[in-house]
Structure formats: structure tokens, C-alpha cells
């Protein structure tokens, strides 16, 4: 009887030795004349357990992790083929507390299916959303997305249905769907994980978007640092095309849509939608002034929908289950689920998908287990390198667009980077300015010059030179950058700087202010 084993091909698992584990399993099985089928799945998202090896048994899939190549012989000796006891045995992955607490919609198949298999995708509910979309037609598709309350998961939180309606109403001989997969925020990996673990979901979401707005061509724009995601996407696109789910008359319908993957060089600013469009057109990635909006004049000056990976991969579920079902999750104007990425100095880091509204402290302390160092948490940066530092006394903050905005913070792409008590907030503030100065496209003065002046000011503050006066100048500079920058790179860089100054003033040489919650 052939033994079926799942070993992730996710980039994180590979970095932790998954390929070597596969070789060790093949060698051990050969030595025992045990027929074995190894399926390279995506990651479940419990990254501290990678490589997480799963064995198919009569009781279901039993997980062992983190497995190194040196563990394989002992696993066979322990009878892991039948789910035998071993120090690395975690039981059924879906019953692990980290997984059992989640509400998985977008990541429901990730880590379960073979990402290269079209038939496996369909066997697990894939393309049901597209089937319903074809039956509904463009107007009703947009209405379903509107009912769902879906907002852009890339950070801006703009209602997806309004963006789609704008493009649908635009008159043009050609329209485009562009997927922003240029995932550059520190501590984020959800886009990469879904492209590597469930690429057909993104294809299905982009196809539905194309039908809704009348676009016939789509591009996935991602970065050269994601070679495994690019490989997985291109393999899935070829399979979808071979099965008639891309190209002319998709699934035998009147609609046509095709897509391809384009790779950028990894400039952070190309995650900004207009700089992305310039890069996609073969130009240097430079931010465009708005208006015109990309919905009117986007790629090659044609009406274009630009959505993040997580926005587009939410769409198949919205169409399959209905917009109202999706809207049942969440709080306030933040509807549905959010794949939250827990990273940094954290004991149990990984991908945690849940409905909006979960308190930040629960994510870090209860689900993440606190810091990996065991030291007290000092702060968490939420929303990437341009996100604010949230101190522990604000950890009751619900994960919600409006709640974070009320605290001068943002949830961005859902990345959380945790820091313990040793973090030097002055250096973190300096890093934000330095990051902006390096990554600025140079088009607008507040970002290009302001970030360089910000680094200089932070150097003087750290050196103890005229601290009070330099802090005042830095605060004024931050306001100028927030209000005067052309895009979010310059406009959001002040968030980590000002939040560090506000919550940890004693580290900047000023007396600490007591917060109401302390």
C-alpha cells in the first residue's frame, strides 16, 4: 500500500529544510521497500512547526513538526506511517489550538490541497464562485461584492465594489485587472502563502473580477524575491488555461479572460498602485499624481481594477456563499475575515485568519504566546514598516480599520511585528526615516527630502544634541510629510516616528506622559 505524505513546498518550509526532509523520506522508504507518494502542499501557517510533515492515516492526516532530515529515521521507527507516537507528533493539524481558533475562508484550502492540481482544487470547492458568477452576470456580481462589505485588503480599505463599479461604467476598448502581489511590508507573507498554497483561488478571483468589469486581460505583479510563488502561479495558470478556465469563452461561456505573471525587481514603492502600473508598463516605478484614478486611466491609460491578492482571493467565497454570508463576519464597517500575519519576536508566529474585531492583545499574547525571548512585550508594529507602534496599554484595540485609525494607527496588510522590552524606540524611529529615504521614488519633495532630513534629525536626537528643539522640528517635519507627500510611502512614514515619540517619550529625552489606561 502506497504511503501518502504531505511536505510543504512553501518558501518558509523550504528555508527550514523541507527539500532535505523529502529526500530523507524517499531514502528511508526505499530502504524499507515502502511505496511512498509525497505531495508538496502549501503551508498551514503554523510557521514555527515548519517543515510540518503530514501522513495520511485511516484516522485522517497526522502532523509531525518541525521535522528535520535527521528526524526521519526515528519517525519511521516510531511507525509514523500509521500515525505513531513521537515527540514531534502534533495530531491532526486542524485540531491544533492555533488552527481550531481560526475562521478560514480565504485560506480554507491552503496547506490541504496540492497547489499544482486543478482537480484537487475543484474537489475542494474550487470554481464554485466562478460558476455562480457566470450565472449572475456583471451587474449582480458587483452587487454581491457590495453586499459582502469587502474592502481592499492591501491597506487602504477602500470598498471593492465601488472600485469595480467605476471600472465597469468606464467606456473603453480594453480594460485590465491588475493584482498587486508586490508584498513588501515587513512581517507580511499572506500573499506569498496563498500564491504558493492555493494559486487557483487567485486565478478564480481575477477571472470573476474580469467578468464583472468587462476586462479581458489580467496581470499578477509580484517581486523577484518570490520565485516559488511565481512558479506556482505560472503552473496553475497553464493548468487553468488547459482546462478552459482561462482564455476565450472560459468554461464554455460568452466571457473571455486571460492572465499572466509579471515580476518586478522588488522596489518597495512599486507596492503603490500607480508606481506599480509604471513598472508594469516597463518604466521606472514612479508614483503618478491623482487624478486621474487608475479606475479611469490605469494600465496603458485604460480603465483598470487594481486589487490586492487578499481582496481578490476573498471574491470566490463571496460569490460561492453569497455576500450576506461573508458580511456576517466582522465588526462595524470592517466585514469578513482578515488573514493576520503574526511575526517578529513572537513564540508562535504564523498566519491566523479570523473575523475583524479580535483584540490585538489576544493575537499577540494568547495566540502568539508572547515573545520568543520570553521577555515582556514592549510594543507591536502593525501594518508594515510604515505602521504605528502600538504599546501594550492599547492592546485591547480591536482589529478594525476605524478603531486603529482612531488611535493614529493602521492595520495595513494585516502584518504584526512584535518587539520585546529591549527594543530601542529611537533607533526604530530612525529606521522609519531611513527606510523612506532609501525606498522613495524621488518624485515629491516631502518624501524625498523630508526623509533624509528626518534621518539627520534623529541622529542629532540620539546624540543628545538640542533634543527639545530637534524633537519639535521632527514633529513639524512629520506633519509636512503626512500632508504633503504624493503617496502613502512619504505620507505614512511619520506614523512609526510619531507613535514612538508619543508612547515612549522618555526614550527621546522627554518625561513620560501617563496614559489614561495605565
Protein backbone atom coordinates (compact mmCIF):
# COMPACT_ATOMS: atom_id res chain seq x y z
CA UNK A 1 0.00 0.00 0.00
CA UNK A 2 1.38 3.36 -1.04
CA UNK A 3 2.11 5.74 1.82
CA UNK A 4 0.87 9.31 1.19
CA UNK A 5 2.86 12.07 2.84
CA UNK A 6 2.46 15.83 2.59
CA UNK A 7 5.58 18.01 2.85
CA UNK A 8 5.11 21.75 2.21
CA UNK A 9 6.73 23.40 -0.77
CA UNK A 10 6.08 26.77 0.84
CA UNK A 11 9.16 29.05 0.82
CA UNK A 12 9.26 29.12 4.62
CA UNK A 13 9.24 25.32 4.83
CA UNK A 14 11.91 25.07 2.15
CA UNK A 15 14.06 27.57 4.05
CA UNK A 16 13.69 25.34 7.11
CA UNK A 17 14.83 22.22 5.22
CA UNK A 18 11.67 20.75 3.62
CA UNK A 19 13.50 19.63 0.46
CA UNK A 20 16.07 17.75 2.55
CA UNK A 21 13.24 16.14 4.51
CA UNK A 22 11.70 14.91 1.25
CA UNK A 23 14.99 13.35 0.21
CA UNK A 24 15.35 11.68 3.60
CA UNK A 25 11.80 10.28 3.44
CA UNK A 26 12.38 8.91 -0.06
CA UNK A 27 15.62 7.24 1.04
CA UNK A 28 14.08 5.75 4.19
CA UNK A 29 11.06 4.46 2.27
CA UNK A 30 13.26 2.95 -0.42
CA UNK A 31 15.37 1.17 2.19
CA UNK A 32 12.17 -0.36 3.60
CA UNK A 33 10.71 -1.08 0.14
CA UNK A 34 7.76 1.08 1.17
CA UNK A 35 5.99 2.70 -1.80
CA UNK A 36 5.51 6.38 -1.00
CA UNK A 37 3.75 9.33 -2.67
CA UNK A 38 4.98 12.72 -1.49
CA UNK A 39 2.69 15.68 -2.18
CA UNK A 40 4.20 19.15 -1.95
CA UNK A 41 1.38 21.18 -0.39
CA UNK A 42 1.32 24.77 0.84
CA UNK A 43 1.85 25.75 4.45
CA UNK A 44 -0.93 25.55 7.05
CA UNK A 45 0.51 28.75 8.52
CA UNK A 46 1.95 27.39 11.78
CA UNK A 47 5.39 28.56 10.80
CA UNK A 48 7.20 27.53 13.98
CA UNK A 49 6.32 23.91 13.08
CA UNK A 50 7.81 24.00 9.57
CA UNK A 51 8.58 21.71 7.94
CA UNK A 52 5.25 20.25 9.06
CA UNK A 53 5.04 16.71 7.66
CA UNK A 54 1.60 15.12 7.43
CA UNK A 55 0.91 11.44 6.95
CA UNK A 56 -2.39 10.12 5.64
CA UNK A 57 -3.79 7.51 8.04
CA UNK A 58 -7.23 5.88 8.40
CA UNK A 59 -7.94 8.45 11.16
CA UNK A 60 -7.02 11.37 8.90
CA UNK A 61 -3.85 13.36 8.32
CA UNK A 62 -1.49 13.29 11.30
CA UNK A 63 1.11 16.05 11.58
CA UNK A 64 4.70 15.98 12.81
CA UNK A 65 6.78 19.12 13.16
CA UNK A 66 9.17 20.72 12.93
CA UNK A 67 10.80 17.81 11.13
CA UNK A 68 14.45 17.85 10.14
CA UNK A 69 16.09 15.37 7.81
CA UNK A 70 17.79 13.85 10.86
CA UNK A 71 14.35 13.05 12.38
CA UNK A 72 13.09 10.90 9.52
CA UNK A 73 14.63 7.58 10.58
CA UNK A 74 13.19 7.93 14.08
CA UNK A 75 9.78 8.79 12.61
CA UNK A 76 9.76 5.58 10.57
CA UNK A 77 10.98 3.65 13.61
CA UNK A 78 8.09 5.10 15.64
CA UNK A 79 5.60 3.98 13.00
CA UNK A 80 4.60 7.43 11.82
CA UNK A 81 3.20 5.68 8.74
CA UNK A 82 0.25 4.78 10.96
CA UNK A 83 0.35 8.00 12.97
CA UNK A 84 2.54 6.52 15.70
CA UNK A 85 3.66 8.36 18.81
CA UNK A 86 6.74 10.57 18.50
CA UNK A 87 8.00 13.69 20.22
CA UNK A 88 7.21 15.71 17.08
CA UNK A 89 3.65 14.41 16.72
CA UNK A 90 1.03 17.20 16.93
CA UNK A 91 -2.03 15.15 16.00
CA UNK A 92 -4.48 16.37 13.40
CA UNK A 93 -3.30 19.83 12.27
CA UNK A 94 -6.83 21.19 12.02
CA UNK A 95 -7.36 20.36 15.71
CA UNK A 96 -4.24 22.22 16.87
CA UNK A 97 -5.31 25.21 19.05
CA UNK A 98 -3.68 27.67 16.63
CA UNK A 99 -5.85 26.33 13.80
CA UNK A 100 -9.01 25.48 15.72
CA UNK A 101 -9.49 29.12 16.78
CA UNK A 102 -9.47 30.42 13.23
CA UNK A 103 -12.23 31.22 10.77
CA UNK A 104 -10.67 30.20 7.50
CA UNK A 105 -12.33 31.35 4.31
CA UNK A 106 -9.53 32.66 2.10
CA UNK A 107 -7.04 30.13 3.49
CA UNK A 108 -9.52 27.26 3.80
CA UNK A 109 -7.62 25.10 1.28
CA UNK A 110 -4.08 26.35 1.92
CA UNK A 111 -1.93 23.54 3.27
CA UNK A 112 -4.58 20.95 2.47
CA UNK A 113 -4.60 20.63 -1.31
CA UNK A 114 -1.89 20.06 -3.87
CA UNK A 115 -1.48 23.61 -5.22
CA UNK A 116 -0.41 22.31 -8.62
CA UNK A 117 -3.50 20.15 -9.07
CA UNK A 118 -6.52 21.59 -10.88
CA UNK A 119 -8.62 18.54 -9.96
CA UNK A 120 -7.68 18.82 -6.27
CA UNK A 121 -8.77 22.46 -6.30
CA UNK A 122 -12.12 21.55 -7.81
CA UNK A 123 -12.56 18.63 -5.41
CA UNK A 124 -12.27 21.08 -2.50
CA UNK A 125 -14.90 23.53 -3.71
CA UNK A 126 -12.84 25.46 -6.21
CA UNK A 127 -14.56 27.32 -9.08
CA UNK A 128 -17.98 27.29 -7.39
CA UNK A 129 -17.70 31.06 -7.14
CA UNK A 130 -16.99 31.39 -10.84
CA UNK A 131 -19.87 29.08 -11.72
CA UNK A 132 -22.26 31.34 -9.82
CA UNK A 133 -20.65 34.46 -11.26
CA UNK A 134 -21.25 33.20 -14.79
CA UNK A 135 -24.89 32.59 -13.91
CA UNK A 136 -25.33 36.03 -12.32
CA UNK A 137 -23.60 38.28 -14.85
CA UNK A 138 -21.59 41.50 -14.30
CA UNK A 139 -24.18 43.68 -12.55
CA UNK A 140 -25.16 41.04 -10.00
CA UNK A 141 -21.54 40.08 -9.34
CA UNK A 142 -20.76 43.63 -8.27
CA UNK A 143 -23.94 43.69 -6.18
CA UNK A 144 -22.82 40.54 -4.32
CA UNK A 145 -19.40 42.09 -3.63
CA UNK A 146 -21.17 45.23 -2.41
CA UNK A 147 -23.34 43.17 -0.02
CA UNK A 148 -20.25 41.49 1.38
CA UNK A 149 -18.77 44.81 2.52
CA UNK A 150 -15.37 43.74 1.15
CA UNK A 151 -12.75 46.46 1.49
CA UNK A 152 -9.30 46.44 -0.07
CA UNK A 153 -7.00 44.22 1.98
CA UNK A 154 -3.85 45.97 0.77
CA UNK A 155 -4.11 48.67 3.43
CA UNK A 156 -6.33 51.46 2.15
CA UNK A 157 -9.56 49.66 2.99
CA UNK A 158 -11.41 51.18 0.01
CA UNK A 159 -14.72 49.44 -0.80
CA UNK A 160 -14.01 46.93 -3.57
CA UNK A 161 -17.47 47.13 -5.13
CA UNK A 162 -17.16 50.90 -5.71
CA UNK A 163 -13.83 50.41 -7.46
CA UNK A 164 -15.28 47.66 -9.64
CA UNK A 165 -18.42 49.69 -10.47
CA UNK A 166 -16.27 52.65 -11.55
CA UNK A 167 -14.32 50.49 -13.98
CA UNK A 168 -17.45 48.68 -15.16
CA UNK A 169 -19.06 52.04 -16.01
CA UNK A 170 -15.98 53.37 -17.83
CA UNK A 171 -16.10 53.31 -21.62
CA UNK A 172 -13.01 51.87 -23.28
CA UNK A 173 -11.97 49.35 -25.92
CA UNK A 174 -9.94 47.45 -23.31
CA UNK A 175 -9.85 47.14 -19.54
CA UNK A 176 -7.47 45.38 -17.18
CA UNK A 177 -7.39 43.53 -13.86
CA UNK A 178 -4.10 44.03 -12.03
CA UNK A 179 -3.31 42.05 -8.91
CA UNK A 180 -0.94 43.83 -6.57
CA UNK A 181 1.16 40.94 -5.28
CA UNK A 182 4.17 43.13 -4.56
CA UNK A 183 4.14 42.17 -0.89
CA UNK A 184 6.89 44.33 0.57
CA UNK A 185 5.80 45.07 4.13
CA UNK A 186 8.00 43.65 6.85
CA UNK A 187 6.31 40.82 8.70
CA UNK A 188 3.82 40.04 5.93
CA UNK A 189 3.63 36.81 3.98
CA UNK A 190 -0.07 36.13 3.32
CA UNK A 191 0.14 36.94 -0.40
CA UNK A 192 3.11 34.66 -0.85
CA UNK A 193 1.48 31.86 1.13
CA UNK A 194 -1.76 31.89 -0.85
CA UNK A 195 0.03 32.09 -4.21
CA UNK A 196 2.22 29.14 -3.23
CA UNK A 197 -0.51 27.17 -1.46
CA UNK A 198 -3.72 27.88 -3.40
CA UNK A 199 -2.90 29.71 -6.66
CA UNK A 200 -6.12 28.71 -8.42
CA UNK A 201 -8.05 30.79 -5.90
CA UNK A 202 -6.34 33.96 -7.14
CA UNK A 203 -6.95 32.94 -10.75
CA UNK A 204 -10.63 32.40 -9.98
CA UNK A 205 -10.91 35.73 -8.17
CA UNK A 206 -9.28 37.66 -11.01
CA UNK A 207 -11.47 35.91 -13.57
CA UNK A 208 -14.62 36.89 -11.66
CA UNK A 209 -13.34 40.47 -11.45
CA UNK A 210 -12.71 40.48 -15.19
CA UNK A 211 -16.25 39.33 -15.94
CA UNK A 212 -17.69 41.91 -13.54
CA UNK A 213 -15.99 44.94 -15.11
CA UNK A 214 -15.56 43.80 -18.70
CA UNK A 215 -11.81 43.23 -18.60
CA UNK A 216 -10.25 40.52 -20.75
CA UNK A 217 -6.68 40.65 -19.52
CA UNK A 218 -5.13 40.38 -16.08
CA UNK A 219 -1.66 40.69 -14.61
CA UNK A 220 -0.26 39.45 -11.33
CA UNK A 221 2.54 41.84 -10.40
CA UNK A 222 4.92 40.36 -7.87
CA UNK A 223 8.56 40.62 -6.87
CA UNK A 224 11.69 38.72 -7.80
CA UNK A 225 12.08 37.67 -4.16
CA UNK A 226 9.07 35.36 -4.60
CA UNK A 227 10.37 32.72 -7.09
CA UNK A 228 8.33 29.89 -5.56
CA UNK A 229 5.12 31.91 -5.76
CA UNK A 230 5.85 32.83 -9.38
CA UNK A 231 6.49 29.18 -10.24
CA UNK A 232 3.26 28.07 -8.54
CA UNK A 233 1.19 30.80 -10.21
CA UNK A 234 2.55 30.11 -13.69
CA UNK A 235 1.97 26.37 -13.31
CA UNK A 236 -1.61 26.96 -12.15
CA UNK A 237 -2.31 29.48 -14.93
CA UNK A 238 -1.17 26.93 -17.52
CA UNK A 239 -3.40 24.26 -15.94
CA UNK A 240 -6.41 26.60 -15.81
CA UNK A 241 -5.86 27.51 -19.44
CA UNK A 242 -5.60 23.82 -20.40
CA UNK A 243 -8.95 23.13 -18.69
CA UNK A 244 -10.69 26.02 -20.43
CA UNK A 245 -10.89 28.21 -17.31
CA UNK A 246 -8.76 30.93 -18.90
CA UNK A 247 -8.68 32.17 -22.46
CA UNK A 248 -11.51 32.54 -24.95
CA UNK A 249 -15.03 31.55 -23.78
CA UNK A 250 -14.00 30.49 -20.30
CA UNK A 251 -15.90 27.42 -19.04
CA UNK A 252 -17.87 27.48 -22.31
CA UNK A 253 -19.36 30.90 -21.55
CA UNK A 254 -19.53 34.10 -23.58
CA UNK A 255 -16.78 35.64 -21.47
CA UNK A 256 -13.06 35.65 -22.23
CA UNK A 257 -10.26 36.38 -19.81
CA UNK A 258 -6.58 35.52 -19.67
CA UNK A 259 -3.75 36.46 -17.36
CA UNK A 260 -0.03 36.26 -16.78
CA UNK A 261 2.54 36.92 -14.07
CA UNK A 262 4.94 39.87 -14.27
CA UNK A 263 7.95 40.15 -12.00
CA UNK A 264 9.29 43.41 -10.56
CA UNK A 265 12.71 44.00 -9.07
CA UNK A 266 11.41 44.45 -5.53
CA UNK A 267 11.27 48.23 -5.05
CA UNK A 268 9.02 48.94 -2.08
CA UNK A 269 7.35 51.89 -3.80
CA UNK A 270 6.07 49.55 -6.53
CA UNK A 271 3.54 48.33 -3.99
CA UNK A 272 1.89 51.73 -4.51
CA UNK A 273 -0.65 51.19 -7.25
CA UNK A 274 0.41 53.89 -9.71
CA UNK A 275 4.13 53.14 -9.35
CA UNK A 276 3.20 49.50 -9.92
CA UNK A 277 1.44 50.46 -13.15
CA UNK A 278 4.52 52.32 -14.37
CA UNK A 279 6.70 49.31 -13.58
CA UNK A 280 4.22 47.00 -15.31
CA UNK A 281 4.44 49.20 -18.41
CA UNK A 282 8.21 48.73 -18.41
CA UNK A 283 9.06 52.09 -16.91
CA UNK A 284 10.83 53.06 -13.69
CA UNK A 285 8.38 52.70 -10.81
CA UNK A 286 7.33 56.28 -10.06
CA UNK A 287 4.19 57.45 -8.30
CA UNK A 288 1.60 59.18 -10.50
CA UNK A 289 -0.39 62.18 -9.38
CA UNK A 290 -4.14 61.59 -8.95
CA UNK A 291 -6.48 62.28 -10.64
CA UNK A 292 -6.89 60.56 -12.98
CA UNK A 293 -7.61 57.47 -10.92
CA UNK A 294 -6.43 54.10 -12.26
CA UNK A 295 -10.10 53.14 -12.48
CA UNK A 296 -10.36 55.70 -15.30
CA UNK A 297 -6.83 55.76 -16.69
CA UNK A 298 -4.72 52.94 -15.34
CA UNK A 299 -2.56 50.41 -17.13
CA UNK A 300 -1.68 51.75 -20.60
CA UNK A 301 -4.15 54.58 -19.84
CA UNK A 302 -7.07 52.12 -19.84
CA UNK A 303 -9.62 51.61 -17.03
CA UNK A 304 -8.01 49.25 -14.55
CA UNK A 305 -9.01 47.44 -11.38
CA UNK A 306 -6.05 47.17 -9.03
CA UNK A 307 -6.69 44.90 -6.09
CA UNK A 308 -4.50 43.17 -3.56
CA UNK A 309 -4.11 39.37 -3.53
CA UNK A 310 -6.21 39.01 -0.38
CA UNK A 311 -9.02 41.14 -1.84
CA UNK A 312 -9.21 39.05 -4.99
CA UNK A 313 -8.94 35.71 -3.19
CA UNK A 314 -11.86 36.67 -0.96
CA UNK A 315 -14.10 37.05 -4.02
CA UNK A 316 -14.62 33.33 -4.90
CA UNK A 317 -16.02 32.72 -1.41
CA UNK A 318 -18.24 35.77 -1.60
CA UNK A 319 -19.72 34.55 -4.89
CA UNK A 320 -19.96 30.91 -3.79
CA UNK A 321 -21.61 31.56 -0.42
CA UNK A 322 -23.20 34.95 -1.04
CA UNK A 323 -22.26 38.44 0.00
CA UNK A 324 -24.52 38.39 3.05
CA UNK A 325 -22.80 35.27 4.41
CA UNK A 326 -19.41 36.98 4.18
CA UNK A 327 -20.77 40.15 5.77
CA UNK A 328 -21.88 38.17 8.81
CA UNK A 329 -18.27 38.15 9.98
CA UNK A 330 -16.51 41.21 11.38
CA UNK A 331 -17.46 44.43 13.15
CA UNK A 332 -18.57 47.91 12.13
CA UNK A 333 -17.55 48.70 8.56
CA UNK A 334 -14.84 46.02 8.64
CA UNK A 335 -16.66 42.97 7.31
CA UNK A 336 -15.49 39.44 6.62
CA UNK A 337 -12.26 37.84 7.70
CA UNK A 338 -8.67 39.08 7.70
CA UNK A 339 -5.63 36.84 7.29
CA UNK A 340 -3.39 38.28 10.01
CA UNK A 341 0.32 37.65 9.92
CA UNK A 342 1.98 37.39 13.33
CA UNK A 343 5.74 37.87 13.18
CA UNK A 344 8.78 39.43 14.82
CA UNK A 345 9.81 38.44 18.34
CA UNK A 346 6.94 36.01 18.83
CA UNK A 347 6.75 32.47 20.17
CA UNK A 348 4.14 31.12 17.75
CA UNK A 349 4.36 33.10 14.55
CA UNK A 350 2.22 32.40 11.54
CA UNK A 351 -0.91 33.08 9.55
CA UNK A 352 -4.10 33.49 11.56
CA UNK A 353 -7.32 34.15 9.65
CA UNK A 354 -10.19 35.44 11.74
CA UNK A 355 -13.11 37.84 11.63
CA UNK A 356 -12.36 41.53 12.18
CA UNK A 357 -12.73 42.67 15.76
CA UNK A 358 -10.34 40.38 17.62
CA UNK A 359 -8.29 42.37 20.20
CA UNK A 360 -4.65 42.96 19.31
CA UNK A 361 -3.50 41.65 22.70
CA UNK A 362 -5.29 38.33 22.15
CA UNK A 363 -3.44 37.87 18.87
CA UNK A 364 -0.06 38.56 20.45
CA UNK A 365 -0.33 37.10 23.93
CA UNK A 366 -2.88 34.30 23.69
CA UNK A 367 -2.49 33.09 20.11
CA UNK A 368 1.12 34.13 19.52
CA UNK A 369 2.21 33.06 23.01
CA UNK A 370 4.12 36.27 23.77
CA UNK A 371 7.71 36.89 22.79
CA UNK A 372 10.12 34.20 21.65
CA UNK A 373 12.71 35.58 24.06
CA UNK A 374 10.32 35.22 26.99
CA UNK A 375 10.76 38.88 27.87
CA UNK A 376 7.78 41.23 28.26
CA UNK A 377 6.25 42.64 25.10
CA UNK A 378 7.05 46.31 24.64
CA UNK A 379 5.11 47.18 21.50
CA UNK A 380 3.84 45.84 18.21
CA UNK A 381 4.16 47.49 14.85
CA UNK A 382 1.01 46.84 12.87
CA UNK A 383 0.68 47.49 9.15
CA UNK A 384 4.25 47.12 7.92
CA UNK A 385 7.28 49.38 8.23
CA UNK A 386 5.08 52.47 7.95
CA UNK A 387 2.65 51.34 10.63
CA UNK A 388 2.42 52.84 14.09
CA UNK A 389 3.92 51.24 17.19
CA UNK A 390 1.08 50.15 19.44
CA UNK A 391 2.08 49.97 23.13
CA UNK A 392 0.85 47.23 25.45
CA UNK A 393 -1.63 49.54 27.19
CA UNK A 394 -3.51 49.78 23.88
CA UNK A 395 -3.64 46.02 23.30
CA UNK A 396 -7.40 45.98 23.85
CA UNK A 397 -7.66 47.66 20.44
CA UNK A 398 -9.93 45.58 18.17
CA UNK A 399 -8.50 44.64 14.78
CA UNK A 400 -10.64 47.04 12.77
CA UNK A 401 -9.89 49.79 10.24
CA UNK A 402 -11.73 52.54 12.10
CA UNK A 403 -10.58 51.55 15.62
CA UNK A 404 -6.96 51.68 14.55
CA UNK A 405 -7.43 54.96 12.69
CA UNK A 406 -8.89 56.50 15.85
CA UNK A 407 -5.57 55.76 17.58
CA UNK A 408 -3.46 57.21 14.72
CA UNK A 409 -2.61 53.68 13.63
CA UNK A 410 -3.44 51.46 10.67
CA UNK A 411 -3.90 47.76 10.06
CA UNK A 412 -2.41 47.91 6.56
CA UNK A 413 -1.94 44.48 5.05
CA UNK A 414 -2.52 42.75 8.38
CA UNK A 415 1.08 42.29 9.44
CA UNK A 416 2.04 42.40 13.13
CA UNK A 417 5.68 42.62 14.17
CA UNK A 418 6.24 42.14 17.91
CA UNK A 419 9.09 43.67 19.94
CA UNK A 420 10.19 42.89 23.48
CA UNK A 421 11.40 45.28 26.16
CA UNK A 422 14.88 45.55 24.62
CA UNK A 423 13.66 47.39 21.51
CA UNK A 424 15.24 50.84 21.18
CA UNK A 425 12.43 53.11 20.00
CA UNK A 426 14.77 55.91 18.95
CA UNK A 427 16.52 53.55 16.55
CA UNK A 428 13.16 52.26 15.34
CA UNK A 429 12.05 55.82 14.60
CA UNK A 430 15.31 56.50 12.78
CA UNK A 431 14.87 53.31 10.76
CA UNK A 432 11.48 54.51 9.50
CA UNK A 433 13.01 57.68 8.11
CA UNK A 434 15.98 55.82 6.67
CA UNK A 435 13.70 53.24 5.05
CA UNK A 436 11.69 56.02 3.40
CA UNK A 437 14.81 57.80 2.17
CA UNK A 438 16.11 54.60 0.57
CA UNK A 439 12.80 53.50 -0.96
CA UNK A 440 11.43 56.89 -2.06
CA UNK A 441 10.80 57.16 -5.79
CA UNK A 442 12.01 60.75 -5.53
CA UNK A 443 9.06 62.40 -7.24
CA UNK A 444 7.76 64.56 -4.38
CA UNK A 445 9.81 66.80 -2.09
CA UNK A 446 8.27 65.93 1.31
CA UNK A 447 9.15 62.27 0.86
CA UNK A 448 12.47 62.63 -0.97
CA UNK A 449 13.99 65.45 1.08
CA UNK A 450 11.90 65.12 4.24
CA UNK A 451 13.00 61.56 4.95
CA UNK A 452 16.68 62.48 4.61
CA UNK A 453 16.24 65.48 6.93
CA UNK A 454 14.38 63.12 9.29
CA UNK A 455 17.38 60.78 9.47
CA UNK A 456 19.63 63.74 10.24
CA UNK A 457 17.31 64.96 12.99
CA UNK A 458 17.12 61.51 14.55
CA UNK A 459 20.91 61.25 14.52
CA UNK A 460 21.11 64.54 16.44
CA UNK A 461 18.45 63.43 18.93
CA UNK A 462 20.22 60.12 19.51
CA UNK A 463 23.48 62.04 20.03
CA UNK A 464 21.75 64.26 22.61
CA UNK A 465 22.13 67.49 20.61
CA UNK A 466 19.47 70.18 21.34
CA UNK A 467 16.96 67.40 21.92
CA UNK A 468 13.90 69.51 22.66
CA UNK A 469 14.38 71.77 19.64
CA UNK A 470 15.13 68.87 17.30
CA UNK A 471 12.08 66.94 18.52
CA UNK A 472 9.92 69.98 17.75
CA UNK A 473 11.42 70.22 14.27
CA UNK A 474 10.95 66.48 13.74
CA UNK A 475 7.29 66.74 14.74
CA UNK A 476 6.77 69.60 12.31
CA UNK A 477 8.57 67.67 9.56
CA UNK A 478 6.33 64.65 10.17
CA UNK A 479 3.20 66.76 9.74
CA UNK A 480 4.58 68.14 6.48
CA UNK A 481 5.30 64.64 5.18
CA UNK A 482 1.85 63.39 6.22
CA UNK A 483 0.01 66.20 4.49
CA UNK A 484 2.30 66.94 1.56
CA UNK A 485 3.55 63.60 0.24
CA UNK A 486 2.20 62.30 -3.03
CA UNK A 487 1.62 58.73 -1.82
CA UNK A 488 1.50 56.60 1.32
CA UNK A 489 5.26 55.99 1.44
CA UNK A 490 6.03 59.55 2.48
CA UNK A 491 2.61 60.11 3.99
CA UNK A 492 2.74 57.14 6.37
CA UNK A 493 6.42 57.23 7.36
CA UNK A 494 5.56 59.64 10.21
CA UNK A 495 3.29 57.04 11.83
CA UNK A 496 6.06 54.90 13.37
CA UNK A 497 8.09 58.02 14.21
CA UNK A 498 5.31 59.92 15.94
CA UNK A 499 3.91 56.85 17.71
CA UNK A 500 7.35 56.04 19.12
CA UNK A 501 7.72 59.64 20.32
CA UNK A 502 4.20 59.71 21.76
CA UNK A 503 4.19 56.40 23.60
CA UNK A 504 7.84 56.26 24.66
CA UNK A 505 8.82 59.92 25.21
CA UNK A 506 11.33 59.04 27.92
CA UNK A 507 13.47 57.28 25.32
CA UNK A 508 13.66 60.53 23.37
CA UNK A 509 14.79 62.51 26.40
CA UNK A 510 11.36 63.84 27.35
CA UNK A 511 9.40 62.99 30.55
CA UNK A 512 6.95 60.15 30.19
CA UNK A 513 3.28 61.03 29.97
CA UNK A 514 0.89 58.75 31.81
CA UNK A 515 -1.72 57.23 29.52
CA UNK A 516 -5.31 57.04 30.67
CA UNK A 517 -5.31 53.24 30.62
CA UNK A 518 -2.15 52.89 32.72
